């Protein structure tokens, strides 16, 4: 059974970079045709696709976040990491990692990915 677990700081200061790591157990991030994805949900808003790294290591980003986003992976640890630079209070959200079988829409639903982490709250504030 594949499980995902997000880790990272709960509080980040404005203009700093946010780093979140997703640790995957029960399955490999290099398994064929898997799309390892970051999604976030701000208070009172819909889910928002942030970006994806595929099993082949190809990355895709939400165009609105592309200039500030970077996703990398460590296959030896079975982890993938989101870096979001120059954060602002608008980036305050619950961040989820998930496994999907393709690229998600910009405003996905829970049904668009088959395995989700529990999510981690990130607050951007001084």
N, C-alpha and C. Protein backbone atom coordinates (compact mmCIF):
# COMPACT_ATOMS: atom_id res chain seq x y z
N UNK A 1 0.84 -1.19 0.00
CA UNK A 1 0.00 0.00 0.00
C UNK A 1 0.88 1.24 0.00
N UNK A 2 0.70 2.10 -0.99
CA UNK A 2 1.50 3.30 -1.11
C UNK A 2 1.01 4.34 -0.10
N UNK A 3 1.95 4.94 0.59
CA UNK A 3 1.63 6.02 1.53
C UNK A 3 2.56 7.19 1.28
N UNK A 4 2.03 8.39 1.47
CA UNK A 4 2.80 9.61 1.27
C UNK A 4 2.75 10.44 2.54
N UNK A 5 3.87 11.08 2.84
CA UNK A 5 3.94 11.89 4.06
C UNK A 5 4.70 13.17 3.77
N UNK A 6 4.04 14.31 4.01
CA UNK A 6 4.67 15.61 3.79
C UNK A 6 5.42 16.06 5.05
N UNK A 7 6.52 16.76 4.85
CA UNK A 7 7.25 17.36 5.97
C UNK A 7 7.81 18.70 5.54
N UNK A 8 7.90 19.60 6.51
CA UNK A 8 8.40 20.92 6.23
C UNK A 8 8.06 21.88 7.35
N UNK A 9 8.46 23.12 7.23
CA UNK A 9 8.21 24.09 8.29
C UNK A 9 6.76 24.54 8.30
N UNK A 10 6.21 24.76 9.44
CA UNK A 10 4.85 25.24 9.53
C UNK A 10 4.74 26.74 9.30
N UNK A 11 5.84 27.44 9.56
CA UNK A 11 5.84 28.90 9.46
C UNK A 11 7.04 29.35 8.64
N UNK A 12 6.79 30.19 7.67
CA UNK A 12 7.83 30.73 6.82
C UNK A 12 7.67 32.25 6.76
N UNK A 13 8.79 32.95 6.78
CA UNK A 13 8.72 34.41 6.71
C UNK A 13 8.56 34.86 5.26
N UNK A 14 7.86 35.95 5.05
CA UNK A 14 7.72 36.49 3.69
C UNK A 14 9.08 36.72 3.04
N UNK A 15 9.13 36.48 1.75
CA UNK A 15 10.30 36.62 0.88
C UNK A 15 11.27 35.44 0.99
N UNK A 16 11.05 34.55 1.96
CA UNK A 16 11.93 33.39 2.10
C UNK A 16 11.47 32.27 1.15
N UNK A 17 12.28 31.22 1.09
CA UNK A 17 11.93 30.06 0.28
C UNK A 17 11.32 28.98 1.17
N UNK A 18 10.30 28.34 0.63
CA UNK A 18 9.64 27.23 1.31
C UNK A 18 10.13 25.92 0.71
N UNK A 19 10.51 25.00 1.58
CA UNK A 19 10.90 23.66 1.14
C UNK A 19 9.97 22.64 1.81
N UNK A 20 9.32 21.83 1.00
CA UNK A 20 8.49 20.74 1.49
C UNK A 20 8.94 19.43 0.86
N UNK A 21 9.03 18.41 1.68
CA UNK A 21 9.45 17.09 1.19
C UNK A 21 8.33 16.09 1.36
N UNK A 22 8.15 15.25 0.35
CA UNK A 22 7.18 14.16 0.41
C UNK A 22 7.95 12.84 0.41
N UNK A 23 7.75 12.07 1.45
CA UNK A 23 8.39 10.76 1.56
C UNK A 23 7.37 9.69 1.19
N UNK A 24 7.75 8.84 0.26
CA UNK A 24 6.84 7.82 -0.27
C UNK A 24 7.27 6.45 0.26
N UNK A 25 6.31 5.70 0.75
CA UNK A 25 6.57 4.33 1.20
C UNK A 25 5.59 3.39 0.52
N UNK A 26 6.00 2.15 0.38
CA UNK A 26 5.12 1.15 -0.22
C UNK A 26 5.12 1.16 -1.73
N UNK A 27 5.93 1.99 -2.34
CA UNK A 27 6.00 2.07 -3.80
C UNK A 27 7.12 3.00 -4.20
N UNK A 28 7.58 2.87 -5.43
CA UNK A 28 8.73 3.66 -5.89
C UNK A 28 8.29 4.87 -6.70
N UNK A 29 8.99 5.99 -6.50
CA UNK A 29 8.69 7.18 -7.29
C UNK A 29 9.18 7.03 -8.73
N UNK A 30 9.90 5.95 -9.02
CA UNK A 30 10.32 5.69 -10.40
C UNK A 30 9.44 4.64 -11.08
N UNK A 31 8.38 4.20 -10.39
CA UNK A 31 7.47 3.24 -11.00
C UNK A 31 6.86 3.85 -12.26
N UNK A 32 6.77 3.08 -13.31
CA UNK A 32 6.34 3.58 -14.61
C UNK A 32 4.99 4.28 -14.55
N UNK A 33 4.91 5.39 -15.29
CA UNK A 33 3.65 6.11 -15.49
C UNK A 33 3.05 6.66 -14.20
N UNK A 34 3.90 7.04 -13.27
CA UNK A 34 3.41 7.69 -12.04
C UNK A 34 3.81 9.15 -12.05
N UNK A 35 2.92 9.97 -11.54
CA UNK A 35 3.08 11.42 -11.53
C UNK A 35 2.98 11.89 -10.09
N UNK A 36 4.09 12.38 -9.55
CA UNK A 36 4.19 12.74 -8.14
C UNK A 36 3.97 14.24 -8.04
N UNK A 37 2.98 14.60 -7.29
CA UNK A 37 2.34 15.91 -7.46
C UNK A 37 2.24 16.67 -6.15
N UNK A 38 2.34 17.99 -6.26
CA UNK A 38 2.06 18.90 -5.13
C UNK A 38 0.78 19.68 -5.45
N UNK A 39 -0.05 19.75 -4.44
CA UNK A 39 -1.33 20.46 -4.51
C UNK A 39 -1.46 21.28 -3.24
N UNK A 40 -2.12 22.41 -3.30
CA UNK A 40 -2.33 23.19 -2.10
C UNK A 40 -3.76 23.69 -2.04
N UNK A 41 -4.18 24.04 -0.83
CA UNK A 41 -5.51 24.59 -0.64
C UNK A 41 -5.43 25.71 0.39
N UNK A 42 -5.66 26.92 -0.08
CA UNK A 42 -5.70 28.08 0.80
C UNK A 42 -7.05 28.12 1.53
N UNK A 43 -7.10 28.80 2.66
CA UNK A 43 -8.35 28.86 3.43
C UNK A 43 -9.51 29.39 2.58
N UNK A 44 -10.58 28.64 2.54
CA UNK A 44 -11.76 29.05 1.82
C UNK A 44 -11.67 28.95 0.31
N UNK A 45 -10.59 28.36 -0.20
CA UNK A 45 -10.39 28.26 -1.65
C UNK A 45 -10.40 26.80 -2.11
N UNK A 46 -10.47 26.63 -3.42
CA UNK A 46 -10.41 25.29 -4.01
C UNK A 46 -8.98 24.76 -3.98
N UNK A 47 -8.86 23.47 -4.22
CA UNK A 47 -7.55 22.88 -4.40
C UNK A 47 -6.87 23.51 -5.61
N UNK A 48 -5.56 23.66 -5.53
CA UNK A 48 -4.78 24.27 -6.62
C UNK A 48 -3.58 23.37 -6.92
N UNK A 49 -3.44 22.95 -8.17
CA UNK A 49 -2.28 22.17 -8.58
C UNK A 49 -1.05 23.07 -8.59
N UNK A 50 0.03 22.61 -7.93
CA UNK A 50 1.27 23.37 -7.86
C UNK A 50 2.26 22.88 -8.91
N UNK A 51 2.49 21.57 -8.94
CA UNK A 51 3.43 21.02 -9.90
C UNK A 51 3.58 19.53 -9.73
N UNK A 52 4.30 18.92 -10.68
CA UNK A 52 4.42 17.47 -10.77
C UNK A 52 5.81 17.09 -11.25
N UNK A 53 6.31 15.99 -10.71
CA UNK A 53 7.50 15.35 -11.27
C UNK A 53 7.11 13.92 -11.63
N UNK A 54 7.43 13.52 -12.84
CA UNK A 54 7.02 12.20 -13.30
C UNK A 54 8.01 11.13 -12.86
N UNK A 55 7.65 9.88 -13.09
CA UNK A 55 8.53 8.78 -12.77
C UNK A 55 9.84 8.86 -13.56
N UNK A 56 9.81 9.55 -14.67
CA UNK A 56 11.02 9.74 -15.48
C UNK A 56 11.80 10.98 -15.09
N UNK A 57 11.28 11.73 -14.13
CA UNK A 57 11.99 12.91 -13.66
C UNK A 57 11.66 14.19 -14.42
N UNK A 58 10.64 14.17 -15.24
CA UNK A 58 10.22 15.36 -15.98
C UNK A 58 9.29 16.19 -15.09
N UNK A 59 9.47 17.49 -15.11
CA UNK A 59 8.67 18.36 -14.23
C UNK A 59 7.70 19.22 -15.02
N UNK A 60 6.58 19.50 -14.40
CA UNK A 60 5.54 20.36 -14.94
C UNK A 60 5.06 21.27 -13.81
N UNK A 61 4.73 22.51 -14.16
CA UNK A 61 4.32 23.47 -13.13
C UNK A 61 3.07 24.23 -13.54
N UNK A 62 2.32 24.63 -12.52
CA UNK A 62 1.23 25.57 -12.72
C UNK A 62 1.83 26.85 -13.28
N UNK A 63 1.34 27.33 -14.41
CA UNK A 63 1.93 28.53 -15.03
C UNK A 63 1.98 29.73 -14.08
N UNK A 64 1.00 29.83 -13.20
CA UNK A 64 0.98 30.98 -12.30
C UNK A 64 2.05 30.89 -11.22
N UNK A 65 2.63 29.72 -11.02
CA UNK A 65 3.65 29.53 -9.99
C UNK A 65 5.00 29.12 -10.58
N UNK A 66 5.05 28.96 -11.88
CA UNK A 66 6.23 28.37 -12.52
C UNK A 66 7.51 29.14 -12.22
N UNK A 67 7.42 30.46 -12.18
CA UNK A 67 8.64 31.26 -12.00
C UNK A 67 9.21 31.11 -10.59
N UNK A 68 8.39 30.61 -9.65
CA UNK A 68 8.85 30.50 -8.26
C UNK A 68 8.97 29.05 -7.80
N UNK A 69 8.61 28.09 -8.64
CA UNK A 69 8.53 26.69 -8.21
C UNK A 69 9.63 25.84 -8.80
N UNK A 70 10.03 24.87 -8.00
CA UNK A 70 10.97 23.86 -8.48
C UNK A 70 10.71 22.56 -7.73
N UNK A 71 10.61 21.48 -8.47
CA UNK A 71 10.43 20.16 -7.85
C UNK A 71 11.61 19.29 -8.22
N UNK A 72 12.19 18.67 -7.21
CA UNK A 72 13.31 17.77 -7.42
C UNK A 72 13.01 16.45 -6.70
N UNK A 73 13.88 15.47 -6.90
CA UNK A 73 13.65 14.19 -6.25
C UNK A 73 14.96 13.56 -5.83
N UNK A 74 14.85 12.67 -4.84
CA UNK A 74 15.98 11.86 -4.39
C UNK A 74 15.50 10.42 -4.47
N UNK A 75 15.88 9.74 -5.52
CA UNK A 75 15.38 8.37 -5.72
C UNK A 75 15.94 7.42 -4.67
N UNK A 76 17.11 7.72 -4.12
CA UNK A 76 17.69 6.83 -3.10
C UNK A 76 16.87 6.87 -1.81
N UNK A 77 16.21 8.00 -1.58
CA UNK A 77 15.37 8.14 -0.38
C UNK A 77 13.89 8.00 -0.69
N UNK A 78 13.57 7.86 -1.98
CA UNK A 78 12.17 7.78 -2.41
C UNK A 78 11.39 9.02 -1.95
N UNK A 79 11.97 10.18 -2.20
CA UNK A 79 11.38 11.45 -1.80
C UNK A 79 11.36 12.42 -2.98
N UNK A 80 10.41 13.34 -2.95
CA UNK A 80 10.44 14.46 -3.87
C UNK A 80 10.15 15.74 -3.09
N UNK A 81 10.74 16.83 -3.55
CA UNK A 81 10.76 18.07 -2.77
C UNK A 81 10.28 19.24 -3.61
N UNK A 82 9.45 20.07 -2.99
CA UNK A 82 8.99 21.30 -3.61
C UNK A 82 9.77 22.46 -3.01
N UNK A 83 10.28 23.31 -3.87
CA UNK A 83 10.85 24.58 -3.45
C UNK A 83 10.00 25.69 -4.04
N UNK A 84 9.49 26.55 -3.17
CA UNK A 84 8.70 27.70 -3.61
C UNK A 84 9.41 28.95 -3.08
N UNK A 85 9.90 29.75 -3.98
CA UNK A 85 10.71 30.90 -3.58
C UNK A 85 9.85 32.15 -3.39
N UNK A 86 10.42 33.12 -2.71
CA UNK A 86 9.80 34.44 -2.53
C UNK A 86 8.35 34.33 -2.06
N UNK A 87 8.14 33.57 -0.99
CA UNK A 87 6.76 33.35 -0.54
C UNK A 87 6.17 34.63 0.03
N UNK A 88 4.85 34.69 -0.02
CA UNK A 88 4.08 35.81 0.51
C UNK A 88 2.88 35.23 1.25
N UNK A 89 2.18 36.06 2.02
CA UNK A 89 1.01 35.54 2.74
C UNK A 89 0.00 34.81 1.85
N UNK A 90 -0.08 35.16 0.58
CA UNK A 90 -0.99 34.49 -0.33
C UNK A 90 -0.63 33.02 -0.53
N UNK A 91 0.59 32.64 -0.17
CA UNK A 91 1.01 31.23 -0.28
C UNK A 91 0.63 30.42 0.95
N UNK A 92 0.02 31.05 1.93
CA UNK A 92 -0.48 30.32 3.10
C UNK A 92 -1.54 29.33 2.66
N UNK A 93 -1.33 28.06 2.99
CA UNK A 93 -2.23 27.01 2.52
C UNK A 93 -1.85 25.70 3.19
N UNK A 94 -2.72 24.72 3.02
CA UNK A 94 -2.36 23.35 3.36
C UNK A 94 -1.81 22.72 2.08
N UNK A 95 -0.62 22.17 2.20
CA UNK A 95 0.06 21.59 1.06
C UNK A 95 -0.01 20.07 1.14
N UNK A 96 -0.39 19.47 0.02
CA UNK A 96 -0.50 18.02 -0.08
C UNK A 96 0.43 17.49 -1.15
N UNK A 97 0.98 16.30 -0.92
CA UNK A 97 1.60 15.56 -2.01
C UNK A 97 0.68 14.40 -2.37
N UNK A 98 0.76 13.99 -3.61
CA UNK A 98 -0.15 12.96 -4.08
C UNK A 98 0.46 12.21 -5.26
N UNK A 99 -0.09 11.03 -5.52
CA UNK A 99 0.28 10.25 -6.69
C UNK A 99 -0.89 10.26 -7.67
N UNK A 100 -0.56 10.56 -8.91
CA UNK A 100 -1.58 10.58 -9.95
C UNK A 100 -1.10 9.78 -11.15
N UNK A 101 -1.98 9.63 -12.11
CA UNK A 101 -1.63 8.90 -13.35
C UNK A 101 -1.48 9.84 -14.53
N UNK A 102 -1.53 11.15 -14.26
CA UNK A 102 -1.34 12.14 -15.31
C UNK A 102 -1.18 13.51 -14.68
N UNK A 103 -1.13 14.52 -15.54
CA UNK A 103 -1.04 15.90 -15.04
C UNK A 103 -2.42 16.34 -14.57
N UNK A 104 -2.48 16.95 -13.41
CA UNK A 104 -3.75 17.38 -12.86
C UNK A 104 -4.22 18.69 -13.51
N UNK A 105 -5.53 18.93 -13.47
CA UNK A 105 -6.02 20.25 -13.89
C UNK A 105 -5.58 21.30 -12.87
N UNK A 106 -5.73 22.58 -13.24
CA UNK A 106 -5.28 23.65 -12.36
C UNK A 106 -6.06 23.66 -11.05
N UNK A 107 -7.34 23.27 -11.11
CA UNK A 107 -8.15 23.16 -9.89
C UNK A 107 -8.66 21.73 -9.79
N UNK A 108 -7.83 20.86 -9.25
CA UNK A 108 -8.21 19.45 -9.20
C UNK A 108 -9.24 19.15 -8.12
N UNK A 109 -9.75 17.94 -8.18
CA UNK A 109 -10.56 17.42 -7.10
C UNK A 109 -9.81 16.24 -6.48
N UNK A 110 -10.34 15.74 -5.39
CA UNK A 110 -9.71 14.60 -4.72
C UNK A 110 -9.64 13.38 -5.63
N UNK A 111 -10.56 13.29 -6.56
CA UNK A 111 -10.60 12.12 -7.45
C UNK A 111 -9.51 12.15 -8.51
N UNK A 112 -8.80 13.27 -8.65
CA UNK A 112 -7.79 13.38 -9.70
C UNK A 112 -6.46 12.73 -9.33
N UNK A 113 -6.31 12.33 -8.08
CA UNK A 113 -5.12 11.59 -7.64
C UNK A 113 -5.58 10.43 -6.79
N UNK A 114 -4.89 9.30 -6.90
CA UNK A 114 -5.40 8.12 -6.21
C UNK A 114 -4.82 7.93 -4.81
N UNK A 115 -3.68 8.56 -4.51
CA UNK A 115 -3.11 8.47 -3.16
C UNK A 115 -2.69 9.87 -2.73
N UNK A 116 -3.11 10.24 -1.53
CA UNK A 116 -2.81 11.57 -0.99
C UNK A 116 -2.09 11.45 0.35
N UNK A 117 -1.22 12.39 0.61
CA UNK A 117 -0.71 12.54 1.96
C UNK A 117 -1.75 13.23 2.83
N UNK A 118 -1.47 13.33 4.09
CA UNK A 118 -2.41 13.95 5.02
C UNK A 118 -2.40 15.47 4.91
N UNK A 119 -1.35 16.02 4.32
CA UNK A 119 -1.24 17.46 4.17
C UNK A 119 -0.47 18.09 5.32
N UNK A 120 0.15 19.22 5.02
CA UNK A 120 0.88 19.97 6.04
C UNK A 120 0.55 21.45 5.89
N UNK A 121 0.22 22.07 7.00
CA UNK A 121 -0.15 23.49 6.97
C UNK A 121 1.11 24.35 6.90
N UNK A 122 1.09 25.30 5.99
CA UNK A 122 2.17 26.27 5.87
C UNK A 122 1.57 27.67 6.01
N UNK A 123 2.12 28.43 6.92
CA UNK A 123 1.69 29.81 7.13
C UNK A 123 2.86 30.73 6.81
N UNK A 124 2.58 31.73 5.98
CA UNK A 124 3.59 32.72 5.65
C UNK A 124 3.27 33.99 6.42
N UNK A 125 4.15 34.32 7.34
CA UNK A 125 3.90 35.47 8.21
C UNK A 125 5.21 35.88 8.86
N UNK A 126 5.30 37.18 9.12
CA UNK A 126 6.46 37.68 9.86
C UNK A 126 6.17 37.71 11.35
